[in-house]
Amino acid sequence: MQQDEEKIDEFVQKFVSGADIVFGIRTSRDSDVLLKKYTALGFYKFMNLMGVDIIKNHADYRLLSNRAIGILKQYNESNLFLRALIVQMGFKQEKVYFDVKERELGHSKYPLRKMLSFAWNGITSFSIVPLRMVSVLGMALFLLSVFYGMYVFYIKVFTDKAIDGWASMVIFMCFFSGIQLLSLGVIGEYIGKIYIESKKRPRYSLQEYIEG
């Protein structure tokens, strides 16, 4: 009962006014211990950095209309990351802000280990940024190997500082390392698209039918 139950009337008012989805959002995290507070804030920033559309300080305190629940049932994936999934559904959305009460009984069900697992689940469910990072890293290393190869070629041809076998070994090592990472990045792009397609998420949501 840390969520403010007195705000339920405001949830209902937003719903009656036409909102299909009403998010409950914490006004602050002052009631959290320092570790919980800063790891949670870091979680939202990291999720946004990874391209996941998520509402800061929104947990699982929300109201959904029957129409929104009907659309939610069309998502057949096993690992539902609801905090991003419901934002993605569309419909008219509203927010209710509330203060979190002090915990009177029990303890948090989200220690650091579970928070990290939760964040990883969200990233892998909604973002292929990690795969693209491998692709970018591969391209960067490939270009670096090209420039470094030119430098090694210069040392070999125009100076007498080169050691026998050094130039060929360094050039080949840099070149093929870059090629490997670049190839993994390209494969990752295709795997990412296959992964997204395999979820078979609805492309759109129908808010109402108009009979002609």
N, C-alpha and C. Protein backbone atom coordinates (compact mmCIF):
# COMPACT_ATOMS: atom_id res chain seq x y z
N MET A 1 0.82 -1.22 0.00
CA MET A 1 0.00 0.00 0.00
C MET A 1 0.85 1.27 0.00
N GLN A 2 2.02 1.21 -0.60
CA GLN A 2 2.83 2.42 -0.70
C GLN A 2 2.26 3.39 -1.73
N GLN A 3 1.62 2.85 -2.77
CA GLN A 3 0.96 3.71 -3.74
C GLN A 3 -0.26 4.37 -3.08
N ASP A 4 -0.47 5.61 -3.40
CA ASP A 4 -1.53 6.39 -2.75
C ASP A 4 -2.90 5.95 -3.27
N GLU A 5 -3.64 5.18 -2.45
CA GLU A 5 -4.96 4.70 -2.88
C GLU A 5 -5.99 5.82 -2.99
N GLU A 6 -5.71 6.96 -2.37
CA GLU A 6 -6.64 8.08 -2.46
C GLU A 6 -6.64 8.71 -3.85
N LYS A 7 -5.65 8.34 -4.66
CA LYS A 7 -5.58 8.86 -6.03
C LYS A 7 -6.43 8.04 -7.01
N ILE A 8 -7.04 6.96 -6.53
CA ILE A 8 -7.85 6.12 -7.42
C ILE A 8 -9.00 6.91 -8.02
N ASP A 9 -9.59 7.80 -7.24
CA ASP A 9 -10.68 8.64 -7.78
C ASP A 9 -10.19 9.48 -8.97
N GLU A 10 -8.96 9.96 -8.89
CA GLU A 10 -8.41 10.75 -9.99
C GLU A 10 -8.16 9.87 -11.22
N PHE A 11 -7.74 8.64 -10.97
CA PHE A 11 -7.60 7.69 -12.08
C PHE A 11 -8.95 7.53 -12.80
N VAL A 12 -9.99 7.33 -12.01
CA VAL A 12 -11.32 7.11 -12.58
C VAL A 12 -11.81 8.34 -13.32
N GLN A 13 -11.54 9.52 -12.79
CA GLN A 13 -11.93 10.76 -13.46
C GLN A 13 -11.26 10.89 -14.82
N LYS A 14 -9.97 10.56 -14.88
CA LYS A 14 -9.26 10.60 -16.17
C LYS A 14 -9.87 9.60 -17.15
N PHE A 15 -10.24 8.43 -16.62
CA PHE A 15 -10.86 7.40 -17.46
C PHE A 15 -12.22 7.87 -17.98
N VAL A 16 -13.04 8.43 -17.12
CA VAL A 16 -14.36 8.91 -17.51
C VAL A 16 -14.24 10.04 -18.54
N SER A 17 -13.15 10.80 -18.46
CA SER A 17 -12.94 11.91 -19.40
C SER A 17 -12.45 11.42 -20.77
N GLY A 18 -12.24 10.12 -20.91
CA GLY A 18 -11.90 9.58 -22.23
C GLY A 18 -10.57 8.89 -22.35
N ALA A 19 -9.80 8.81 -21.26
CA ALA A 19 -8.49 8.16 -21.33
C ALA A 19 -8.65 6.64 -21.22
N ASP A 20 -8.01 5.93 -22.12
CA ASP A 20 -8.01 4.47 -22.04
C ASP A 20 -6.89 3.94 -21.16
N ILE A 21 -5.84 4.73 -21.01
CA ILE A 21 -4.70 4.32 -20.19
C ILE A 21 -4.33 5.49 -19.27
N VAL A 22 -4.25 5.21 -17.98
CA VAL A 22 -3.87 6.24 -17.00
C VAL A 22 -2.67 5.70 -16.22
N PHE A 23 -1.57 6.42 -16.30
CA PHE A 23 -0.32 6.01 -15.63
C PHE A 23 -0.20 6.69 -14.27
N GLY A 24 0.15 5.92 -13.26
CA GLY A 24 0.48 6.48 -11.97
C GLY A 24 1.97 6.75 -11.90
N ILE A 25 2.35 7.99 -11.60
CA ILE A 25 3.76 8.38 -11.63
C ILE A 25 4.17 8.98 -10.29
N ARG A 26 5.27 8.50 -9.77
CA ARG A 26 5.79 9.03 -8.51
C ARG A 26 6.28 10.46 -8.68
N THR A 27 5.98 11.31 -7.72
CA THR A 27 6.46 12.69 -7.79
C THR A 27 7.95 12.78 -7.44
N SER A 28 8.42 11.86 -6.61
CA SER A 28 9.84 11.86 -6.23
C SER A 28 10.21 10.47 -5.73
N ARG A 29 11.52 10.27 -5.50
CA ARG A 29 12.01 9.01 -4.95
C ARG A 29 12.69 9.25 -3.61
N ASP A 30 12.24 10.26 -2.88
CA ASP A 30 12.86 10.61 -1.61
C ASP A 30 12.66 9.53 -0.55
N SER A 31 11.63 8.70 -0.71
CA SER A 31 11.38 7.66 0.28
C SER A 31 12.29 6.44 0.09
N ASP A 32 13.01 6.38 -1.02
CA ASP A 32 13.91 5.25 -1.28
C ASP A 32 15.25 5.45 -0.58
N VAL A 33 15.90 4.35 -0.28
CA VAL A 33 17.28 4.44 0.20
C VAL A 33 18.15 4.90 -0.97
N LEU A 34 19.35 5.39 -0.67
CA LEU A 34 20.19 6.00 -1.70
C LEU A 34 20.49 5.03 -2.85
N LEU A 35 20.83 3.78 -2.53
CA LEU A 35 21.15 2.81 -3.58
C LEU A 35 19.95 2.58 -4.49
N LYS A 36 18.79 2.39 -3.89
CA LYS A 36 17.57 2.16 -4.66
C LYS A 36 17.23 3.38 -5.50
N LYS A 37 17.38 4.56 -4.93
CA LYS A 37 17.03 5.80 -5.63
C LYS A 37 17.88 6.00 -6.88
N TYR A 38 19.19 5.90 -6.73
CA TYR A 38 20.06 6.22 -7.85
C TYR A 38 20.13 5.09 -8.89
N THR A 39 19.97 3.86 -8.45
CA THR A 39 19.90 2.78 -9.43
C THR A 39 18.62 2.88 -10.25
N ALA A 40 17.52 3.29 -9.61
CA ALA A 40 16.25 3.44 -10.33
C ALA A 40 16.34 4.59 -11.34
N LEU A 41 16.89 5.71 -10.92
CA LEU A 41 17.03 6.85 -11.84
C LEU A 41 17.97 6.49 -13.00
N GLY A 42 19.04 5.77 -12.67
CA GLY A 42 19.95 5.32 -13.72
C GLY A 42 19.28 4.35 -14.68
N PHE A 43 18.37 3.54 -14.15
CA PHE A 43 17.62 2.60 -14.98
C PHE A 43 16.83 3.32 -16.06
N TYR A 44 16.10 4.37 -15.69
CA TYR A 44 15.29 5.09 -16.67
C TYR A 44 16.16 5.80 -17.70
N LYS A 45 17.26 6.37 -17.27
CA LYS A 45 18.15 7.04 -18.22
C LYS A 45 18.78 6.05 -19.19
N PHE A 46 19.17 4.90 -18.66
CA PHE A 46 19.79 3.89 -19.51
C PHE A 46 18.78 3.32 -20.51
N MET A 47 17.55 3.11 -20.07
CA MET A 47 16.52 2.60 -20.97
C MET A 47 16.25 3.58 -22.11
N ASN A 48 16.18 4.87 -21.80
CA ASN A 48 15.99 5.88 -22.84
C ASN A 48 17.18 5.91 -23.79
N LEU A 49 18.39 5.75 -23.24
CA LEU A 49 19.59 5.72 -24.07
C LEU A 49 19.56 4.55 -25.03
N MET A 50 18.99 3.44 -24.61
CA MET A 50 18.89 2.24 -25.44
C MET A 50 17.70 2.29 -26.41
N GLY A 51 16.98 3.42 -26.41
CA GLY A 51 15.88 3.58 -27.36
C GLY A 51 14.56 3.01 -26.90
N VAL A 52 14.43 2.70 -25.61
CA VAL A 52 13.17 2.15 -25.09
C VAL A 52 12.32 3.30 -24.57
N ASP A 53 11.11 3.44 -25.11
CA ASP A 53 10.19 4.51 -24.71
C ASP A 53 9.52 4.11 -23.40
N ILE A 54 9.94 4.73 -22.32
CA ILE A 54 9.44 4.38 -20.99
C ILE A 54 9.23 5.66 -20.19
N ILE A 55 8.21 5.67 -19.34
CA ILE A 55 7.88 6.86 -18.56
C ILE A 55 8.65 6.83 -17.24
N LYS A 56 9.38 7.90 -16.99
CA LYS A 56 10.18 7.97 -15.77
C LYS A 56 9.30 7.91 -14.53
N ASN A 57 9.74 7.09 -13.58
CA ASN A 57 9.10 6.93 -12.27
C ASN A 57 7.69 6.34 -12.33
N HIS A 58 7.35 5.70 -13.45
CA HIS A 58 6.09 4.95 -13.51
C HIS A 58 6.38 3.49 -13.23
N ALA A 59 5.70 2.93 -12.25
CA ALA A 59 5.88 1.52 -11.94
C ALA A 59 4.71 0.74 -12.54
N ASP A 60 3.97 0.03 -11.72
CA ASP A 60 2.85 -0.77 -12.21
C ASP A 60 1.53 -0.32 -11.57
N TYR A 61 1.45 0.96 -11.32
CA TYR A 61 0.23 1.56 -10.77
C TYR A 61 -0.45 2.28 -11.92
N ARG A 62 -1.44 1.63 -12.52
CA ARG A 62 -2.07 2.17 -13.73
C ARG A 62 -3.49 1.68 -13.87
N LEU A 63 -4.23 2.34 -14.73
CA LEU A 63 -5.61 1.94 -15.05
C LEU A 63 -5.71 1.72 -16.55
N LEU A 64 -6.32 0.59 -16.94
CA LEU A 64 -6.53 0.28 -18.35
C LEU A 64 -8.00 0.05 -18.61
N SER A 65 -8.49 0.58 -19.71
CA SER A 65 -9.88 0.33 -20.10
C SER A 65 -10.00 -1.07 -20.68
N ASN A 66 -11.23 -1.55 -20.83
CA ASN A 66 -11.45 -2.86 -21.46
C ASN A 66 -10.88 -2.89 -22.87
N ARG A 67 -10.98 -1.77 -23.58
CA ARG A 67 -10.46 -1.69 -24.93
C ARG A 67 -8.94 -1.84 -24.94
N ALA A 68 -8.27 -1.20 -24.00
CA ALA A 68 -6.82 -1.32 -23.92
C ALA A 68 -6.40 -2.73 -23.51
N ILE A 69 -7.15 -3.34 -22.60
CA ILE A 69 -6.84 -4.71 -22.18
C ILE A 69 -7.03 -5.67 -23.36
N GLY A 70 -8.05 -5.41 -24.18
CA GLY A 70 -8.27 -6.25 -25.36
C GLY A 70 -7.09 -6.20 -26.31
N ILE A 71 -6.51 -5.01 -26.50
CA ILE A 71 -5.32 -4.90 -27.35
C ILE A 71 -4.13 -5.57 -26.68
N LEU A 72 -4.00 -5.42 -25.37
CA LEU A 72 -2.88 -6.03 -24.65
C LEU A 72 -2.89 -7.54 -24.81
N LYS A 73 -4.06 -8.13 -24.89
CA LYS A 73 -4.16 -9.59 -25.05
C LYS A 73 -3.64 -10.06 -26.41
N GLN A 74 -3.50 -9.14 -27.36
CA GLN A 74 -3.01 -9.52 -28.68
C GLN A 74 -1.49 -9.69 -28.71
N TYR A 75 -0.82 -9.26 -27.65
CA TYR A 75 0.63 -9.43 -27.55
C TYR A 75 0.90 -10.81 -26.95
N ASN A 76 1.39 -11.71 -27.79
CA ASN A 76 1.53 -13.11 -27.39
C ASN A 76 2.92 -13.49 -26.90
N GLU A 77 3.83 -12.53 -26.80
CA GLU A 77 5.19 -12.85 -26.39
C GLU A 77 5.24 -13.30 -24.93
N SER A 78 6.22 -14.10 -24.60
CA SER A 78 6.30 -14.68 -23.26
C SER A 78 6.72 -13.65 -22.22
N ASN A 79 7.72 -12.84 -22.54
CA ASN A 79 8.25 -11.85 -21.59
C ASN A 79 7.66 -10.49 -21.90
N LEU A 80 6.59 -10.15 -21.21
CA LEU A 80 5.92 -8.86 -21.44
C LEU A 80 6.56 -7.78 -20.57
N PHE A 81 7.21 -6.84 -21.20
CA PHE A 81 7.77 -5.69 -20.48
C PHE A 81 6.71 -4.59 -20.51
N LEU A 82 5.79 -4.64 -19.55
CA LEU A 82 4.58 -3.83 -19.59
C LEU A 82 4.86 -2.33 -19.56
N ARG A 83 5.90 -1.91 -18.87
CA ARG A 83 6.14 -0.47 -18.73
C ARG A 83 6.40 0.21 -20.06
N ALA A 84 6.97 -0.52 -21.02
CA ALA A 84 7.18 0.05 -22.35
C ALA A 84 6.07 -0.38 -23.31
N LEU A 85 5.56 -1.56 -23.11
CA LEU A 85 4.55 -2.10 -24.02
C LEU A 85 3.27 -1.28 -24.01
N ILE A 86 2.83 -0.90 -22.83
CA ILE A 86 1.57 -0.16 -22.71
C ILE A 86 1.72 1.25 -23.27
N VAL A 87 2.91 1.84 -23.11
CA VAL A 87 3.15 3.16 -23.71
C VAL A 87 3.03 3.07 -25.23
N GLN A 88 3.49 1.97 -25.79
CA GLN A 88 3.53 1.77 -27.23
C GLN A 88 2.14 1.51 -27.82
N MET A 89 1.19 1.11 -27.00
CA MET A 89 -0.13 0.70 -27.50
C MET A 89 -0.93 1.82 -28.13
N GLY A 90 -0.64 3.05 -27.73
CA GLY A 90 -1.42 4.16 -28.27
C GLY A 90 -2.61 4.50 -27.38
N PHE A 91 -3.74 4.86 -28.00
CA PHE A 91 -4.93 5.30 -27.29
C PHE A 91 -4.65 6.63 -26.56
N LYS A 92 -5.68 7.18 -25.99
CA LYS A 92 -5.52 8.40 -25.22
C LYS A 92 -4.94 8.03 -23.86
N GLN A 93 -3.84 8.69 -23.51
CA GLN A 93 -3.14 8.37 -22.26
C GLN A 93 -3.06 9.60 -21.37
N GLU A 94 -3.24 9.38 -20.08
CA GLU A 94 -3.15 10.45 -19.09
C GLU A 94 -2.23 10.01 -17.96
N LYS A 95 -1.85 10.96 -17.12
CA LYS A 95 -0.95 10.67 -16.00
C LYS A 95 -1.55 11.19 -14.69
N VAL A 96 -1.33 10.44 -13.63
CA VAL A 96 -1.71 10.85 -12.28
C VAL A 96 -0.45 10.80 -11.42
N TYR A 97 -0.15 11.90 -10.75
CA TYR A 97 1.05 11.97 -9.94
C TYR A 97 0.71 11.74 -8.47
N PHE A 98 1.55 11.00 -7.78
CA PHE A 98 1.27 10.67 -6.39
C PHE A 98 2.56 10.57 -5.60
N ASP A 99 2.44 10.70 -4.30
CA ASP A 99 3.58 10.54 -3.39
C ASP A 99 3.58 9.12 -2.83
N VAL A 100 4.73 8.52 -2.79
CA VAL A 100 4.87 7.17 -2.26
C VAL A 100 4.97 7.23 -0.74
N LYS A 101 4.20 6.37 -0.08
CA LYS A 101 4.21 6.32 1.38
C LYS A 101 5.39 5.49 1.88
N GLU A 102 5.72 5.67 3.13
CA GLU A 102 6.77 4.87 3.74
C GLU A 102 6.30 3.42 3.86
N ARG A 103 7.22 2.48 3.65
CA ARG A 103 6.89 1.06 3.78
C ARG A 103 6.73 0.71 5.25
N GLU A 104 5.57 0.14 5.60
CA GLU A 104 5.30 -0.22 6.99
C GLU A 104 5.61 -1.69 7.27
N LEU A 105 5.41 -2.55 6.28
CA LEU A 105 5.64 -3.97 6.47
C LEU A 105 6.44 -4.53 5.30
N GLY A 106 7.15 -5.63 5.55
CA GLY A 106 7.86 -6.32 4.48
C GLY A 106 9.08 -5.55 4.00
N HIS A 107 9.55 -5.95 2.82
CA HIS A 107 10.73 -5.31 2.23
C HIS A 107 10.57 -5.30 0.73
N SER A 108 11.42 -4.55 0.05
CA SER A 108 11.33 -4.40 -1.40
C SER A 108 11.51 -5.74 -2.10
N LYS A 109 10.66 -5.99 -3.10
CA LYS A 109 10.77 -7.22 -3.90
C LYS A 109 11.71 -7.03 -5.10
N TYR A 110 12.34 -5.84 -5.18
CA TYR A 110 13.24 -5.57 -6.30
C TYR A 110 14.62 -5.21 -5.79
N PRO A 111 15.40 -6.19 -5.36
CA PRO A 111 16.81 -5.90 -5.03
C PRO A 111 17.58 -5.60 -6.30
N LEU A 112 18.85 -5.26 -6.16
CA LEU A 112 19.66 -4.86 -7.31
C LEU A 112 19.71 -5.95 -8.37
N ARG A 113 19.81 -7.20 -7.97
CA ARG A 113 19.88 -8.30 -8.93
C ARG A 113 18.63 -8.35 -9.81
N LYS A 114 17.46 -8.21 -9.18
CA LYS A 114 16.22 -8.25 -9.95
C LYS A 114 16.06 -7.01 -10.83
N MET A 115 16.54 -5.87 -10.34
CA MET A 115 16.47 -4.65 -11.15
C MET A 115 17.31 -4.78 -12.40
N LEU A 116 18.50 -5.36 -12.28
CA LEU A 116 19.36 -5.56 -13.44
C LEU A 116 18.72 -6.53 -14.42
N SER A 117 18.12 -7.59 -13.89
CA SER A 117 17.43 -8.56 -14.75
C SER A 117 16.24 -7.91 -15.44
N PHE A 118 15.52 -7.07 -14.70
CA PHE A 118 14.36 -6.37 -15.25
C PHE A 118 14.79 -5.42 -16.37
N ALA A 119 15.88 -4.69 -16.16
CA ALA A 119 16.38 -3.76 -17.17
C ALA A 119 16.82 -4.51 -18.42
N TRP A 120 17.52 -5.62 -18.23
CA TRP A 120 17.99 -6.41 -19.37
C TRP A 120 16.81 -6.96 -20.17
N ASN A 121 15.76 -7.39 -19.47
CA ASN A 121 14.56 -7.88 -20.14
C ASN A 121 13.92 -6.78 -20.98
N GLY A 122 13.87 -5.55 -20.44
CA GLY A 122 13.30 -4.44 -21.18
C GLY A 122 14.10 -4.08 -22.42
N ILE A 123 15.44 -4.08 -22.27
CA ILE A 123 16.30 -3.72 -23.40
C ILE A 123 16.17 -4.76 -24.51
N THR A 124 16.25 -6.04 -24.15
CA THR A 124 16.21 -7.09 -25.17
C THR A 124 14.82 -7.25 -25.78
N SER A 125 13.78 -6.78 -25.09
CA SER A 125 12.42 -6.88 -25.63
C SER A 125 12.10 -5.75 -26.60
N PHE A 126 12.74 -4.58 -26.43
CA PHE A 126 12.34 -3.41 -27.20
C PHE A 126 13.46 -2.71 -27.95
N SER A 127 14.68 -3.19 -27.83
CA SER A 127 15.78 -2.46 -28.45
C SER A 127 16.77 -3.41 -29.11
N ILE A 128 17.24 -3.02 -30.30
CA ILE A 128 18.33 -3.75 -30.95
C ILE A 128 19.59 -2.87 -30.97
N VAL A 129 19.60 -1.85 -30.11
CA VAL A 129 20.75 -0.96 -30.01
C VAL A 129 22.04 -1.72 -29.66
N PRO A 130 22.01 -2.69 -28.72
CA PRO A 130 23.26 -3.43 -28.44
C PRO A 130 23.83 -4.11 -29.68
N LEU A 131 22.96 -4.65 -30.54
CA LEU A 131 23.44 -5.27 -31.78
C LEU A 131 24.05 -4.22 -32.70
N ARG A 132 23.44 -3.06 -32.77
CA ARG A 132 23.95 -2.00 -33.63
C ARG A 132 25.25 -1.43 -33.09
N MET A 133 25.43 -1.48 -31.78
CA MET A 133 26.69 -1.03 -31.20
C MET A 133 27.84 -1.91 -31.67
N VAL A 134 27.58 -3.21 -31.81
CA VAL A 134 28.60 -4.13 -32.33
C VAL A 134 28.92 -3.76 -33.77
N SER A 135 27.89 -3.43 -34.55
CA SER A 135 28.09 -3.05 -35.95
C SER A 135 28.93 -1.78 -36.07
N VAL A 136 28.60 -0.78 -35.24
CA VAL A 136 29.35 0.48 -35.25
C VAL A 136 30.79 0.25 -34.81
N LEU A 137 30.97 -0.57 -33.78
CA LEU A 137 32.31 -0.88 -33.30
C LEU A 137 33.12 -1.58 -34.39
N GLY A 138 32.49 -2.49 -35.12
CA GLY A 138 33.16 -3.18 -36.21
C GLY A 138 33.59 -2.23 -37.31
N MET A 139 32.70 -1.30 -37.69
CA MET A 139 33.04 -0.31 -38.71
C MET A 139 34.18 0.58 -38.25
N ALA A 140 34.14 1.00 -36.97
CA ALA A 140 35.20 1.86 -36.43
C ALA A 140 36.54 1.14 -36.44
N LEU A 141 36.54 -0.11 -36.02
CA LEU A 141 37.80 -0.87 -36.01
C LEU A 141 38.30 -1.15 -37.43
N PHE A 142 37.38 -1.37 -38.34
CA PHE A 142 37.76 -1.60 -39.73
C PHE A 142 38.45 -0.35 -40.30
N LEU A 143 37.86 0.85 -40.07
CA LEU A 143 38.46 2.09 -40.55
C LEU A 143 39.79 2.35 -39.85
N LEU A 144 39.84 2.03 -38.56
CA LEU A 144 41.08 2.21 -37.81
C LEU A 144 42.18 1.31 -38.39
N SER A 145 41.80 0.09 -38.75
CA SER A 145 42.79 -0.83 -39.32
C SER A 145 43.30 -0.34 -40.67
N VAL A 146 42.41 0.31 -41.44
CA VAL A 146 42.82 0.85 -42.74
C VAL A 146 43.86 1.96 -42.55
N PHE A 147 43.56 2.90 -41.64
CA PHE A 147 44.50 4.00 -41.39
C PHE A 147 45.81 3.48 -40.77
N TYR A 148 45.66 2.53 -39.85
CA TYR A 148 46.86 1.99 -39.23
C TYR A 148 47.69 1.20 -40.25
N GLY A 149 47.01 0.51 -41.17
CA GLY A 149 47.71 -0.20 -42.23
C GLY A 149 48.50 0.74 -43.11
N MET A 150 47.90 1.93 -43.40
CA MET A 150 48.62 2.93 -44.19
C MET A 150 49.87 3.42 -43.45
N TYR A 151 49.73 3.57 -42.14
CA TYR A 151 50.87 4.00 -41.32
C TYR A 151 51.97 2.94 -41.33
N VAL A 152 51.57 1.67 -41.16
CA VAL A 152 52.54 0.57 -41.16
C VAL A 152 53.22 0.47 -42.52
N PHE A 153 52.44 0.67 -43.60
CA PHE A 153 53.01 0.63 -44.95
C PHE A 153 54.05 1.74 -45.12
N TYR A 154 53.74 2.92 -44.58
CA TYR A 154 54.68 4.04 -44.65
C TYR A 154 55.98 3.70 -43.91
N ILE A 155 55.83 3.14 -42.69
CA ILE A 155 57.02 2.77 -41.91
C ILE A 155 57.86 1.74 -42.65
N LYS A 156 57.17 0.79 -43.29
CA LYS A 156 57.87 -0.30 -43.98
C LYS A 156 58.63 0.20 -45.21
N VAL A 157 58.00 1.09 -45.98
CA VAL A 157 58.56 1.50 -47.28
C VAL A 157 59.54 2.66 -47.14
N PHE A 158 59.19 3.64 -46.32
CA PHE A 158 59.95 4.89 -46.31
C PHE A 158 60.91 5.02 -45.13
N THR A 159 60.92 4.07 -44.21
CA THR A 159 61.87 4.14 -43.09
C THR A 159 62.56 2.78 -42.93
N ASP A 160 63.51 2.74 -42.07
CA ASP A 160 64.21 1.49 -41.79
C ASP A 160 63.93 1.00 -40.36
N LYS A 161 62.76 1.45 -39.81
CA LYS A 161 62.42 1.10 -38.43
C LYS A 161 61.59 -0.19 -38.34
N ALA A 162 61.10 -0.67 -39.47
CA ALA A 162 60.23 -1.84 -39.45
C ALA A 162 61.01 -3.11 -39.15
N ILE A 163 60.41 -3.96 -38.35
CA ILE A 163 60.99 -5.27 -38.04
C ILE A 163 60.40 -6.28 -39.02
N ASP A 164 61.19 -7.22 -39.44
CA ASP A 164 60.73 -8.21 -40.41
C ASP A 164 59.49 -8.96 -39.88
N GLY A 165 58.47 -9.00 -40.70
CA GLY A 165 57.23 -9.70 -40.33
C GLY A 165 56.25 -8.87 -39.54
N TRP A 166 56.71 -7.72 -39.00
CA TRP A 166 55.84 -6.88 -38.16
C TRP A 166 54.71 -6.27 -38.96
N ALA A 167 55.04 -5.69 -40.12
CA ALA A 167 54.04 -4.98 -40.91
C ALA A 167 52.92 -5.91 -41.36
N SER A 168 53.25 -7.04 -41.94
CA SER A 168 52.22 -7.94 -42.45
C SER A 168 51.35 -8.48 -41.32
N MET A 169 51.97 -8.80 -40.18
CA MET A 169 51.21 -9.35 -39.06
C MET A 169 50.21 -8.32 -38.51
N VAL A 170 50.66 -7.08 -38.30
CA VAL A 170 49.80 -6.05 -37.73
C VAL A 170 48.67 -5.69 -38.69
N ILE A 171 48.98 -5.53 -39.96
CA ILE A 171 47.96 -5.15 -40.95
C ILE A 171 46.87 -6.22 -41.03
N PHE A 172 47.27 -7.47 -41.15
CA PHE A 172 46.30 -8.56 -41.27
C PHE A 172 45.48 -8.71 -40.00
N MET A 173 46.10 -8.55 -38.84
CA MET A 173 45.39 -8.70 -37.58
C MET A 173 44.32 -7.62 -37.43
N CYS A 174 44.69 -6.38 -37.68
CA CYS A 174 43.72 -5.28 -37.58
C CYS A 174 42.62 -5.41 -38.63
N PHE A 175 43.00 -5.72 -39.85
CA PHE A 175 42.03 -5.80 -40.94
C PHE A 175 40.98 -6.88 -40.67
N PHE A 176 41.43 -8.07 -40.34
CA PHE A 176 40.48 -9.17 -40.17
C PHE A 176 39.69 -9.06 -38.87
N SER A 177 40.26 -8.42 -37.85
CA SER A 177 39.48 -8.17 -36.63
C SER A 177 38.32 -7.22 -36.93
N GLY A 178 38.60 -6.18 -37.69
CA GLY A 178 37.54 -5.25 -38.08
C GLY A 178 36.49 -5.90 -38.94
N ILE A 179 36.93 -6.73 -39.90
CA ILE A 179 36.00 -7.44 -40.78
C ILE A 179 35.09 -8.36 -39.98
N GLN A 180 35.66 -9.06 -39.00
CA GLN A 180 34.86 -9.98 -38.19
C GLN A 180 33.77 -9.25 -37.41
N LEU A 181 34.15 -8.16 -36.74
CA LEU A 181 33.16 -7.40 -35.98
C LEU A 181 32.13 -6.76 -36.89
N LEU A 182 32.56 -6.26 -38.04
CA LEU A 182 31.62 -5.68 -38.99
C LEU A 182 30.64 -6.75 -39.49
N SER A 183 31.13 -7.94 -39.75
CA SER A 183 30.26 -9.03 -40.20
C SER A 183 29.28 -9.43 -39.11
N LEU A 184 29.75 -9.47 -37.87
CA LEU A 184 28.85 -9.78 -36.76
C LEU A 184 27.77 -8.71 -36.61
N GLY A 185 28.13 -7.45 -36.86
CA GLY A 185 27.15 -6.38 -36.79
C GLY A 185 26.08 -6.52 -37.86
N VAL A 186 26.49 -6.88 -39.07
CA VAL A 186 25.52 -7.08 -40.15
C VAL A 186 24.59 -8.25 -39.83
N ILE A 187 25.18 -9.34 -39.35
CA ILE A 187 24.36 -10.49 -38.94
C ILE A 187 23.41 -10.09 -37.81
N GLY A 188 23.92 -9.28 -36.87
CA GLY A 188 23.09 -8.81 -35.76
C GLY A 188 21.89 -8.01 -36.22
N GLU A 189 22.07 -7.19 -37.26
CA GLU A 189 20.95 -6.41 -37.79
C GLU A 189 19.84 -7.33 -38.28
N TYR A 190 20.21 -8.38 -39.01
CA TYR A 190 19.21 -9.32 -39.50
C TYR A 190 18.56 -10.10 -38.35
N ILE A 191 19.37 -10.51 -37.37
CA ILE A 191 18.82 -11.22 -36.22
C ILE A 191 17.85 -10.32 -35.45
N GLY A 192 18.21 -9.02 -35.33
CA GLY A 192 17.32 -8.09 -34.65
C GLY A 192 15.98 -7.97 -35.34
N LYS A 193 16.00 -7.90 -36.68
CA LYS A 193 14.74 -7.81 -37.43
C LYS A 193 13.92 -9.10 -37.29
N ILE A 194 14.62 -10.24 -37.33
CA ILE A 194 13.93 -11.52 -37.15
C ILE A 194 13.29 -11.58 -35.76
N TYR A 195 14.02 -11.11 -34.76
CA TYR A 195 13.53 -11.13 -33.39
C TYR A 195 12.27 -10.28 -33.25
N ILE A 196 12.30 -9.09 -33.83
CA ILE A 196 11.13 -8.21 -33.76
C ILE A 196 9.94 -8.82 -34.49
N GLU A 197 10.20 -9.39 -35.67
CA GLU A 197 9.11 -10.01 -36.43
C GLU A 197 8.53 -11.22 -35.70
N SER A 198 9.37 -11.96 -35.00
CA SER A 198 8.90 -13.16 -34.31
C SER A 198 7.92 -12.85 -33.19
N LYS A 199 7.95 -11.63 -32.67
CA LYS A 199 7.02 -11.24 -31.62
C LYS A 199 5.60 -11.05 -32.14
N LYS A 200 5.48 -10.73 -33.44
CA LYS A 200 4.17 -10.56 -34.09
C LYS A 200 3.28 -9.58 -33.33
N ARG A 201 3.88 -8.45 -32.98
CA ARG A 201 3.11 -7.42 -32.28
C ARG A 201 2.12 -6.76 -33.23
N PRO A 202 0.97 -6.34 -32.75
CA PRO A 202 0.00 -5.64 -33.62
C PRO A 202 0.61 -4.38 -34.21
N ARG A 203 0.35 -4.13 -35.47
CA ARG A 203 0.91 -2.93 -36.11
C ARG A 203 0.14 -1.68 -35.72
N TYR A 204 -1.11 -1.85 -35.38
CA TYR A 204 -1.95 -0.70 -35.02
C TYR A 204 -3.06 -1.17 -34.09
N SER A 205 -3.72 -0.20 -33.44
CA SER A 205 -4.84 -0.49 -32.56
C SER A 205 -6.07 0.26 -33.07
N LEU A 206 -7.19 -0.43 -33.11
CA LEU A 206 -8.44 0.19 -33.56
C LEU A 206 -9.17 0.76 -32.36
N GLN A 207 -9.36 2.06 -32.37
CA GLN A 207 -10.04 2.71 -31.26
C GLN A 207 -11.55 2.57 -31.36
N GLU A 208 -12.08 2.65 -32.58
CA GLU A 208 -13.52 2.49 -32.76
C GLU A 208 -13.81 2.11 -34.19
N TYR A 209 -14.96 1.48 -34.39
CA TYR A 209 -15.44 1.12 -35.71
C TYR A 209 -16.56 2.09 -36.11
N ILE A 210 -16.51 2.56 -37.35
CA ILE A 210 -17.55 3.45 -37.86
C ILE A 210 -18.25 2.73 -39.01
N GLU A 211 -19.51 2.42 -38.80
CA GLU A 211 -20.27 1.72 -39.84
C GLU A 211 -20.84 2.72 -40.82
N GLY A 212 -20.65 2.41 -42.11
CA GLY A 212 -21.13 3.32 -43.14
C GLY A 212 -22.47 2.85 -43.73
